[in-house]
Amino acid sequence: MNVINSWEEVPLFDSEEAEASFWAENRPSLRLMEAAVAGPTESVESVTITLRIDPRMLAKIKRLARSRYLNYQSMIKQWLSERLERELRER
């Protein structure tokens, strides 16, 4: 079985059958999989900030995140990222 060390080594597939055939003979490296799970927002260049939020609002955010099976901090970062992209597009 071949080990894939970079996502650039994965071709674009014409069909699900072609993709299944590729993955039957190849597997991603552990390092590559760990990087994929962490995601681009979890990079080493993250900065910790302090943000004061009303406790009732935070409780609602946590409930909503839990219902979506997400970490509430990750969900807040996702919301901020989406809003930033929208604001930049509207300029």
PDB file of N, CA and C in Angstrom:
ATOM      1  N   MET A   1       0.841  -1.180   0.000  1.00  0.00           N
ATOM      2  CA  MET A   1       0.000   0.000   0.000  1.00  0.00           C
ATOM      3  C   MET A   1       0.884   1.241   0.000  1.00  0.00           C
ATOM      4  N   ASN A   2       0.589   2.178  -0.864  1.00  0.00           N
ATOM      5  CA  ASN A   2       1.353   3.420  -0.967  1.00  0.00           C
ATOM      6  C   ASN A   2       0.882   4.422   0.081  1.00  0.00           C
ATOM      7  N   VAL A   3       1.812   5.191   0.621  1.00  0.00           N
ATOM      8  CA  VAL A   3       1.491   6.218   1.608  1.00  0.00           C
ATOM      9  C   VAL A   3       1.540   7.584   0.930  1.00  0.00           C
ATOM     10  N   ILE A   4       0.467   8.340   1.073  1.00  0.00           N
ATOM     11  CA  ILE A   4       0.372   9.690   0.509  1.00  0.00           C
ATOM     12  C   ILE A   4       0.846  10.679   1.561  1.00  0.00           C
ATOM     13  N   ASN A   5       1.846  11.484   1.230  1.00  0.00           N
ATOM     14  CA  ASN A   5       2.399  12.447   2.180  1.00  0.00           C
ATOM     15  C   ASN A   5       1.953  13.878   1.923  1.00  0.00           C
ATOM     16  N   SER A   6       1.272  14.103   0.816  1.00  0.00           N
ATOM     17  CA  SER A   6       0.816  15.449   0.463  1.00  0.00           C
ATOM     18  C   SER A   6      -0.501  15.332  -0.286  1.00  0.00           C
ATOM     19  N   TRP A   7      -1.433  16.231  -0.034  1.00  0.00           N
ATOM     20  CA  TRP A   7      -2.726  16.194  -0.732  1.00  0.00           C
ATOM     21  C   TRP A   7      -2.560  16.441  -2.225  1.00  0.00           C
ATOM     22  N   GLU A   8      -1.429  17.041  -2.636  1.00  0.00           N
ATOM     23  CA  GLU A   8      -1.174  17.245  -4.061  1.00  0.00           C
ATOM     24  C   GLU A   8      -0.980  15.917  -4.796  1.00  0.00           C
ATOM     25  N   GLU A   9      -0.653  14.867  -4.057  1.00  0.00           N
ATOM     26  CA  GLU A   9      -0.480  13.549  -4.656  1.00  0.00           C
ATOM     27  C   GLU A   9      -1.816  12.880  -4.982  1.00  0.00           C
ATOM     28  N   VAL A  10      -2.911  13.428  -4.472  1.00  0.00           N
ATOM     29  CA  VAL A  10      -4.237  12.854  -4.721  1.00  0.00           C
ATOM     30  C   VAL A  10      -4.793  13.478  -6.001  1.00  0.00           C
ATOM     31  N   PRO A  11      -5.083  12.660  -6.994  1.00  0.00           N
ATOM     32  CA  PRO A  11      -5.579  13.218  -8.263  1.00  0.00           C
ATOM     33  C   PRO A  11      -7.047  13.641  -8.163  1.00  0.00           C
ATOM     34  N   LEU A  12      -7.510  14.374  -9.166  1.00  0.00           N
ATOM     35  CA  LEU A  12      -8.936  14.655  -9.295  1.00  0.00           C
ATOM     36  C   LEU A  12      -9.564  13.435  -9.947  1.00  0.00           C
ATOM     37  N   PHE A  13     -10.698  13.013  -9.431  1.00  0.00           N
ATOM     38  CA  PHE A  13     -11.317  11.779  -9.901  1.00  0.00           C
ATOM     39  C   PHE A  13     -12.486  12.077 -10.829  1.00  0.00           C
ATOM     40  N   ASP A  14     -12.635  11.236 -11.862  1.00  0.00           N
ATOM     41  CA  ASP A  14     -13.741  11.357 -12.811  1.00  0.00           C
ATOM     42  C   ASP A  14     -15.003  10.681 -12.292  1.00  0.00           C
ATOM     43  N   SER A  15     -14.823   9.728 -11.378  1.00  0.00           N
ATOM     44  CA  SER A  15     -15.973   8.970 -10.879  1.00  0.00           C
ATOM     45  C   SER A  15     -15.677   8.452  -9.480  1.00  0.00           C
ATOM     46  N   GLU A  16     -16.713   8.009  -8.808  1.00  0.00           N
ATOM     47  CA  GLU A  16     -16.545   7.410  -7.489  1.00  0.00           C
ATOM     48  C   GLU A  16     -15.772   6.096  -7.586  1.00  0.00           C
ATOM     49  N   GLU A  17     -15.945   5.400  -8.687  1.00  0.00           N
ATOM     50  CA  GLU A  17     -15.222   4.138  -8.878  1.00  0.00           C
ATOM     51  C   GLU A  17     -13.723   4.385  -8.968  1.00  0.00           C
ATOM     52  N   ALA A  18     -13.323   5.433  -9.697  1.00  0.00           N
ATOM     53  CA  ALA A  18     -11.905   5.778  -9.815  1.00  0.00           C
ATOM     54  C   ALA A  18     -11.335   6.170  -8.454  1.00  0.00           C
ATOM     55  N   GLU A  19     -12.125   6.910  -7.678  1.00  0.00           N
ATOM     56  CA  GLU A  19     -11.675   7.307  -6.344  1.00  0.00           C
ATOM     57  C   GLU A  19     -11.540   6.090  -5.436  1.00  0.00           C
ATOM     58  N   ALA A  20     -12.521   5.201  -5.481  1.00  0.00           N
ATOM     59  CA  ALA A  20     -12.472   3.984  -4.663  1.00  0.00           C
ATOM     60  C   ALA A  20     -11.259   3.136  -5.022  1.00  0.00           C
ATOM     61  N   SER A  21     -10.965   3.020  -6.321  1.00  0.00           N
ATOM     62  CA  SER A  21      -9.811   2.252  -6.772  1.00  0.00           C
ATOM     63  C   SER A  21      -8.508   2.873  -6.248  1.00  0.00           C
ATOM     64  N   PHE A  22      -8.422   4.207  -6.301  1.00  0.00           N
ATOM     65  CA  PHE A  22      -7.224   4.894  -5.817  1.00  0.00           C
ATOM     66  C   PHE A  22      -7.016   4.634  -4.328  1.00  0.00           C
ATOM     67  N   TRP A  23      -8.090   4.801  -3.527  1.00  0.00           N
ATOM     68  CA  TRP A  23      -7.952   4.650  -2.078  1.00  0.00           C
ATOM     69  C   TRP A  23      -7.786   3.194  -1.660  1.00  0.00           C
ATOM     70  N   ALA A  24      -8.124   2.257  -2.532  1.00  0.00           N
ATOM     71  CA  ALA A  24      -7.888   0.848  -2.229  1.00  0.00           C
ATOM     72  C   ALA A  24      -6.393   0.546  -2.255  1.00  0.00           C
ATOM     73  N   GLU A  25      -5.617   1.343  -3.000  1.00  0.00           N
ATOM     74  CA  GLU A  25      -4.176   1.104  -3.141  1.00  0.00           C
ATOM     75  C   GLU A  25      -3.315   2.138  -2.419  1.00  0.00           C
ATOM     76  N   ASN A  26      -3.924   3.189  -1.882  1.00  0.00           N
ATOM     77  CA  ASN A  26      -3.178   4.266  -1.245  1.00  0.00           C
ATOM     78  C   ASN A  26      -3.824   4.630   0.082  1.00  0.00           C
ATOM     79  N   ARG A  27      -3.007   5.200   0.960  1.00  0.00           N
ATOM     80  CA  ARG A  27      -3.551   5.709   2.222  1.00  0.00           C
ATOM     81  C   ARG A  27      -2.777   6.968   2.610  1.00  0.00           C
ATOM     82  N   PRO A  28      -3.451   7.916   3.265  1.00  0.00           N
ATOM     83  CA  PRO A  28      -2.746   9.126   3.704  1.00  0.00           C
ATOM     84  C   PRO A  28      -1.852   8.812   4.900  1.00  0.00           C
ATOM     85  N   SER A  29      -0.751   9.560   5.019  1.00  0.00           N
ATOM     86  CA  SER A  29       0.144   9.380   6.159  1.00  0.00           C
ATOM     87  C   SER A  29      -0.544   9.883   7.427  1.00  0.00           C
ATOM     88  N   LEU A  30      -0.069   9.434   8.562  1.00  0.00           N
ATOM     89  CA  LEU A  30      -0.630   9.856   9.844  1.00  0.00           C
ATOM     90  C   LEU A  30      -0.505  11.365  10.006  1.00  0.00           C
ATOM     91  N   ARG A  31       0.639  11.925   9.628  1.00  0.00           N
ATOM     92  CA  ARG A  31       0.850  13.375   9.727  1.00  0.00           C
ATOM     93  C   ARG A  31      -0.166  14.135   8.898  1.00  0.00           C
ATOM     94  N   LEU A  32      -0.442  13.636   7.715  1.00  0.00           N
ATOM     95  CA  LEU A  32      -1.400  14.286   6.824  1.00  0.00           C
ATOM     96  C   LEU A  32      -2.811  14.223   7.405  1.00  0.00           C
ATOM     97  N   MET A  33      -3.169  13.090   7.974  1.00  0.00           N
ATOM     98  CA  MET A  33      -4.494  12.943   8.576  1.00  0.00           C
ATOM     99  C   MET A  33      -4.643  13.832   9.806  1.00  0.00           C
ATOM    100  N   GLU A  34      -3.611  13.917  10.624  1.00  0.00           N
ATOM    101  CA  GLU A  34      -3.677  14.774  11.811  1.00  0.00           C
ATOM    102  C   GLU A  34      -3.835  16.231  11.404  1.00  0.00           C
ATOM    103  N   ALA A  35      -3.149  16.648  10.356  1.00  0.00           N
ATOM    104  CA  ALA A  35      -3.270  18.025   9.876  1.00  0.00           C
ATOM    105  C   ALA A  35      -4.672  18.284   9.330  1.00  0.00           C
ATOM    106  N   ALA A  36      -5.274  17.287   8.707  1.00  0.00           N
ATOM    107  CA  ALA A  36      -6.617  17.454   8.156  1.00  0.00           C
ATOM    108  C   ALA A  36      -7.647  17.581   9.265  1.00  0.00           C
ATOM    109  N   VAL A  37      -7.458  16.852  10.353  1.00  0.00           N
ATOM    110  CA  VAL A  37      -8.400  16.915  11.468  1.00  0.00           C
ATOM    111  C   VAL A  37      -8.289  18.258  12.169  1.00  0.00           C
ATOM    112  N   ALA A  38      -7.077  18.762  12.345  1.00  0.00           N
ATOM    113  CA  ALA A  38      -6.895  20.048  13.014  1.00  0.00           C
ATOM    114  C   ALA A  38      -7.490  21.173  12.193  1.00  0.00           C
ATOM    115  N   GLY A  39      -7.408  21.077  10.880  1.00  0.00           N
ATOM    116  CA  GLY A  39      -7.983  22.083  10.010  1.00  0.00           C
ATOM    117  C   GLY A  39      -7.148  23.338   9.933  1.00  0.00           C
ATOM    118  N   PRO A  40      -7.385  24.148   8.917  1.00  0.00           N
ATOM    119  CA  PRO A  40      -6.579  25.345   8.713  1.00  0.00           C
ATOM    120  C   PRO A  40      -6.760  26.391   9.799  1.00  0.00           C
ATOM    121  N   THR A  41      -7.908  26.417  10.483  1.00  0.00           N
ATOM    122  CA  THR A  41      -8.129  27.435  11.500  1.00  0.00           C
ATOM    123  C   THR A  41      -7.379  27.124  12.785  1.00  0.00           C
ATOM    124  N   GLU A  42      -6.880  25.901  12.930  1.00  0.00           N
ATOM    125  CA  GLU A  42      -6.174  25.495  14.130  1.00  0.00           C
ATOM    126  C   GLU A  42      -4.651  25.594  13.935  1.00  0.00           C
ATOM    127  N   SER A  43      -4.219  26.525  13.159  1.00  0.00           N
ATOM    128  CA  SER A  43      -2.802  26.611  12.833  1.00  0.00           C
ATOM    129  C   SER A  43      -1.976  27.093  14.014  1.00  0.00           C
ATOM    130  N   VAL A  44      -0.674  26.958  13.876  1.00  0.00           N
ATOM    131  CA  VAL A  44       0.261  27.384  14.903  1.00  0.00           C
ATOM    132  C   VAL A  44       0.202  28.897  15.086  1.00  0.00           C
ATOM    133  N   GLU A  45      -0.240  29.603  14.074  1.00  0.00           N
ATOM    134  CA  GLU A  45      -0.253  31.058  14.120  1.00  0.00           C
ATOM    135  C   GLU A  45      -1.487  31.628  14.813  1.00  0.00           C
ATOM    136  N   SER A  46      -2.275  30.802  15.485  1.00  0.00           N
ATOM    137  CA  SER A  46      -3.447  31.280  16.208  1.00  0.00           C
ATOM    138  C   SER A  46      -3.018  32.194  17.350  1.00  0.00           C
ATOM    139  N   VAL A  47      -3.866  33.157  17.644  1.00  0.00           N
ATOM    140  CA  VAL A  47      -3.620  34.092  18.729  1.00  0.00           C
ATOM    141  C   VAL A  47      -4.765  33.960  19.723  1.00  0.00           C
ATOM    142  N   THR A  48      -4.434  33.868  20.986  1.00  0.00           N
ATOM    143  CA  THR A  48      -5.449  33.790  22.021  1.00  0.00           C
ATOM    144  C   THR A  48      -5.908  35.194  22.377  1.00  0.00           C
ATOM    145  N   ILE A  49      -7.238  35.380  22.434  1.00  0.00           N
ATOM    146  CA  ILE A  49      -7.793  36.675  22.822  1.00  0.00           C
ATOM    147  C   ILE A  49      -8.774  36.478  23.969  1.00  0.00           C
ATOM    148  N   THR A  50      -9.118  37.558  24.633  1.00  0.00           N
ATOM    149  CA  THR A  50     -10.144  37.540  25.660  1.00  0.00           C
ATOM    150  C   THR A  50     -11.331  38.316  25.131  1.00  0.00           C
ATOM    151  N   LEU A  51     -12.508  37.710  25.238  1.00  0.00           N
ATOM    152  CA  LEU A  51     -13.730  38.328  24.728  1.00  0.00           C
ATOM    153  C   LEU A  51     -14.793  38.203  25.805  1.00  0.00           C
ATOM    154  N   ARG A  52     -15.337  39.322  26.236  1.00  0.00           N
ATOM    155  CA  ARG A  52     -16.383  39.289  27.255  1.00  0.00           C
ATOM    156  C   ARG A  52     -17.734  39.129  26.582  1.00  0.00           C
ATOM    157  N   ILE A  53     -18.488  38.103  27.010  1.00  0.00           N
ATOM    158  CA  ILE A  53     -19.795  37.804  26.445  1.00  0.00           C
ATOM    159  C   ILE A  53     -20.793  37.645  27.591  1.00  0.00           C
ATOM    160  N   ASP A  54     -21.987  38.145  27.388  1.00  0.00           N
ATOM    161  CA  ASP A  54     -23.057  37.989  28.368  1.00  0.00           C
ATOM    162  C   ASP A  54     -23.239  36.489  28.656  1.00  0.00           C
ATOM    163  N   PRO A  55     -23.320  36.100  29.926  1.00  0.00           N
ATOM    164  CA  PRO A  55     -23.423  34.669  30.256  1.00  0.00           C
ATOM    165  C   PRO A  55     -24.627  33.976  29.618  1.00  0.00           C
ATOM    166  N   ARG A  56     -25.747  34.673  29.487  1.00  0.00           N
ATOM    167  CA  ARG A  56     -26.929  34.063  28.863  1.00  0.00           C
ATOM    168  C   ARG A  56     -26.688  33.809  27.387  1.00  0.00           C
ATOM    169  N   MET A  57     -26.009  34.760  26.724  1.00  0.00           N
ATOM    170  CA  MET A  57     -25.689  34.577  25.304  1.00  0.00           C
ATOM    171  C   MET A  57     -24.733  33.398  25.140  1.00  0.00           C
ATOM    172  N   LEU A  58     -23.742  33.309  26.009  1.00  0.00           N
ATOM    173  CA  LEU A  58     -22.783  32.207  25.928  1.00  0.00           C
ATOM    174  C   LEU A  58     -23.476  30.866  26.147  1.00  0.00           C
ATOM    175  N   ALA A  59     -24.399  30.811  27.071  1.00  0.00           N
ATOM    176  CA  ALA A  59     -25.139  29.570  27.316  1.00  0.00           C
ATOM    177  C   ALA A  59     -25.925  29.156  26.069  1.00  0.00           C
ATOM    178  N   LYS A  60     -26.536  30.134  25.392  1.00  0.00           N
ATOM    179  CA  LYS A  60     -27.276  29.841  24.160  1.00  0.00           C
ATOM    180  C   LYS A  60     -26.334  29.346  23.067  1.00  0.00           C
ATOM    181  N   ILE A  61     -25.172  29.982  22.949  1.00  0.00           N
ATOM    182  CA  ILE A  61     -24.185  29.568  21.951  1.00  0.00           C
ATOM    183  C   ILE A  61     -23.722  28.138  22.228  1.00  0.00           C
ATOM    184  N   LYS A  62     -23.452  27.836  23.493  1.00  0.00           N
ATOM    185  CA  LYS A  62     -23.001  26.491  23.850  1.00  0.00           C
ATOM    186  C   LYS A  62     -24.070  25.451  23.552  1.00  0.00           C
ATOM    187  N   ARG A  63     -25.336  25.762  23.846  1.00  0.00           N
ATOM    188  CA  ARG A  63     -26.425  24.831  23.542  1.00  0.00           C
ATOM    189  C   ARG A  63     -26.535  24.586  22.047  1.00  0.00           C
ATOM    190  N   LEU A  64     -26.456  25.679  21.271  1.00  0.00           N
ATOM    191  CA  LEU A  64     -26.540  25.561  19.819  1.00  0.00           C
ATOM    192  C   LEU A  64     -25.369  24.731  19.274  1.00  0.00           C
ATOM    193  N   ALA A  65     -24.172  25.009  19.760  1.00  0.00           N
ATOM    194  CA  ALA A  65     -22.994  24.255  19.314  1.00  0.00           C
ATOM    195  C   ALA A  65     -23.133  22.778  19.672  1.00  0.00           C
ATOM    196  N   ARG A  66     -23.589  22.497  20.877  1.00  0.00           N
ATOM    197  CA  ARG A  66     -23.760  21.112  21.310  1.00  0.00           C
ATOM    198  C   ARG A  66     -24.778  20.384  20.424  1.00  0.00           C
ATOM    199  N   SER A  67     -25.845  21.089  20.035  1.00  0.00           N
ATOM    200  CA  SER A  67     -26.856  20.461  19.179  1.00  0.00           C
ATOM    201  C   SER A  67     -26.308  20.153  17.789  1.00  0.00           C
ATOM    202  N   ARG A  68     -25.244  20.863  17.404  1.00  0.00           N
ATOM    203  CA  ARG A  68     -24.599  20.631  16.103  1.00  0.00           C
ATOM    204  C   ARG A  68     -23.349  19.766  16.241  1.00  0.00           C
ATOM    205  N   TYR A  69     -23.099  19.247  17.445  1.00  0.00           N
ATOM    206  CA  TYR A  69     -21.922  18.416  17.727  1.00  0.00           C
ATOM    207  C   TYR A  69     -20.623  19.161  17.419  1.00  0.00           C
ATOM    208  N   LEU A  70     -20.582  20.441  17.795  1.00  0.00           N
ATOM    209  CA  LEU A  70     -19.405  21.271  17.582  1.00  0.00           C
ATOM    210  C   LEU A  70     -18.892  21.798  18.908  1.00  0.00           C
ATOM    211  N   ASN A  71     -17.628  22.147  18.940  1.00  0.00           N
ATOM    212  CA  ASN A  71     -17.064  22.890  20.051  1.00  0.00           C
ATOM    213  C   ASN A  71     -17.550  24.334  19.896  1.00  0.00           C
ATOM    214  N   TYR A  72     -18.022  24.953  20.974  1.00  0.00           N
ATOM    215  CA  TYR A  72     -18.588  26.295  20.842  1.00  0.00           C
ATOM    216  C   TYR A  72     -17.566  27.317  20.364  1.00  0.00           C
ATOM    217  N   GLN A  73     -16.309  27.166  20.758  1.00  0.00           N
ATOM    218  CA  GLN A  73     -15.290  28.113  20.308  1.00  0.00           C
ATOM    219  C   GLN A  73     -15.037  27.968  18.811  1.00  0.00           C
ATOM    220  N   SER A  74     -15.029  26.741  18.327  1.00  0.00           N
ATOM    221  CA  SER A  74     -14.860  26.515  16.889  1.00  0.00           C
ATOM    222  C   SER A  74     -16.038  27.091  16.110  1.00  0.00           C
ATOM    223  N   MET A  75     -17.240  26.951  16.656  1.00  0.00           N
ATOM    224  CA  MET A  75     -18.413  27.491  15.984  1.00  0.00           C
ATOM    225  C   MET A  75     -18.343  29.020  15.920  1.00  0.00           C
ATOM    226  N   ILE A  76     -17.913  29.651  16.994  1.00  0.00           N
ATOM    227  CA  ILE A  76     -17.766  31.116  16.996  1.00  0.00           C
ATOM    228  C   ILE A  76     -16.734  31.542  15.958  1.00  0.00           C
ATOM    229  N   LYS A  77     -15.603  30.816  15.892  1.00  0.00           N
ATOM    230  CA  LYS A  77     -14.586  31.143  14.884  1.00  0.00           C
ATOM    231  C   LYS A  77     -15.137  30.973  13.476  1.00  0.00           C
ATOM    232  N   GLN A  78     -15.932  29.938  13.269  1.00  0.00           N
ATOM    233  CA  GLN A  78     -16.550  29.718  11.961  1.00  0.00           C
ATOM    234  C   GLN A  78     -17.477  30.870  11.618  1.00  0.00           C
ATOM    235  N   TRP A  79     -18.291  31.296  12.573  1.00  0.00           N
ATOM    236  CA  TRP A  79     -19.199  32.426  12.338  1.00  0.00           C
ATOM    237  C   TRP A  79     -18.424  33.692  11.984  1.00  0.00           C
ATOM    238  N   LEU A  80     -17.358  33.959  12.735  1.00  0.00           N
ATOM    239  CA  LEU A  80     -16.552  35.147  12.468  1.00  0.00           C
ATOM    240  C   LEU A  80     -15.923  35.083  11.084  1.00  0.00           C
ATOM    241  N   SER A  81     -15.430  33.920  10.723  1.00  0.00           N
ATOM    242  CA  SER A  81     -14.816  33.746   9.406  1.00  0.00           C
ATOM    243  C   SER A  81     -15.831  33.971   8.292  1.00  0.00           C
ATOM    244  N   GLU A  82     -17.022  33.390   8.441  1.00  0.00           N
ATOM    245  CA  GLU A  82     -18.066  33.559   7.425  1.00  0.00           C
ATOM    246  C   GLU A  82     -18.476  35.024   7.296  1.00  0.00           C
ATOM    247  N   ARG A  83     -18.634  35.696   8.424  1.00  0.00           N
ATOM    248  CA  ARG A  83     -19.041  37.100   8.390  1.00  0.00           C
ATOM    249  C   ARG A  83     -17.946  37.972   7.784  1.00  0.00           C
ATOM    250  N   LEU A  84     -16.702  37.690   8.108  1.00  0.00           N
ATOM    251  CA  LEU A  84     -15.590  38.440   7.539  1.00  0.00           C
ATOM    252  C   LEU A  84     -15.566  38.297   6.026  1.00  0.00           C
ATOM    253  N   GLU A  85     -15.723  37.077   5.534  1.00  0.00           N
ATOM    254  CA  GLU A  85     -15.749  36.857   4.085  1.00  0.00           C
ATOM    255  C   GLU A  85     -16.896  37.620   3.438  1.00  0.00           C
ATOM    256  N   ARG A  86     -18.062  37.609   4.066  1.00  0.00           N
ATOM    257  CA  ARG A  86     -19.216  38.326   3.515  1.00  0.00           C
ATOM    258  C   ARG A  86     -18.957  39.833   3.488  1.00  0.00           C
ATOM    259  N   GLU A  87     -18.394  40.365   4.563  1.00  0.00           N
ATOM    260  CA  GLU A  87     -18.089  41.799   4.621  1.00  0.00           C
ATOM    261  C   GLU A  87     -17.078  42.187   3.546  1.00  0.00           C
ATOM    262  N   LEU A  88     -16.074  41.351   3.348  1.00  0.00           N
ATOM    263  CA  LEU A  88     -15.054  41.663   2.336  1.00  0.00           C
ATOM    264  C   LEU A  88     -15.615  41.588   0.917  1.00  0.00           C
ATOM    265  N   ARG A  89     -16.537  40.643   0.673  1.00  0.00           N
ATOM    266  CA  ARG A  89     -17.172  40.543  -0.643  1.00  0.00           C
ATOM    267  C   ARG A  89     -18.051  41.746  -0.950  1.00  0.00           C
ATOM    268  N   GLU A  90     -18.691  42.316   0.071  1.00  0.00           N
ATOM    269  CA  GLU A  90     -19.626  43.420  -0.113  1.00  0.00           C
ATOM    270  C   GLU A  90     -18.935  44.765  -0.265  1.00  0.00           C
ATOM    271  N   ARG A  91     -17.645  44.841  -0.111  1.00  0.00           N
ATOM    272  CA  ARG A  91     -16.919  46.124  -0.216  1.00  0.00           C
ATOM    273  C   ARG A  91     -16.927  46.639  -1.603  1.00  0.00           C
TER     274      ARG A  91
END
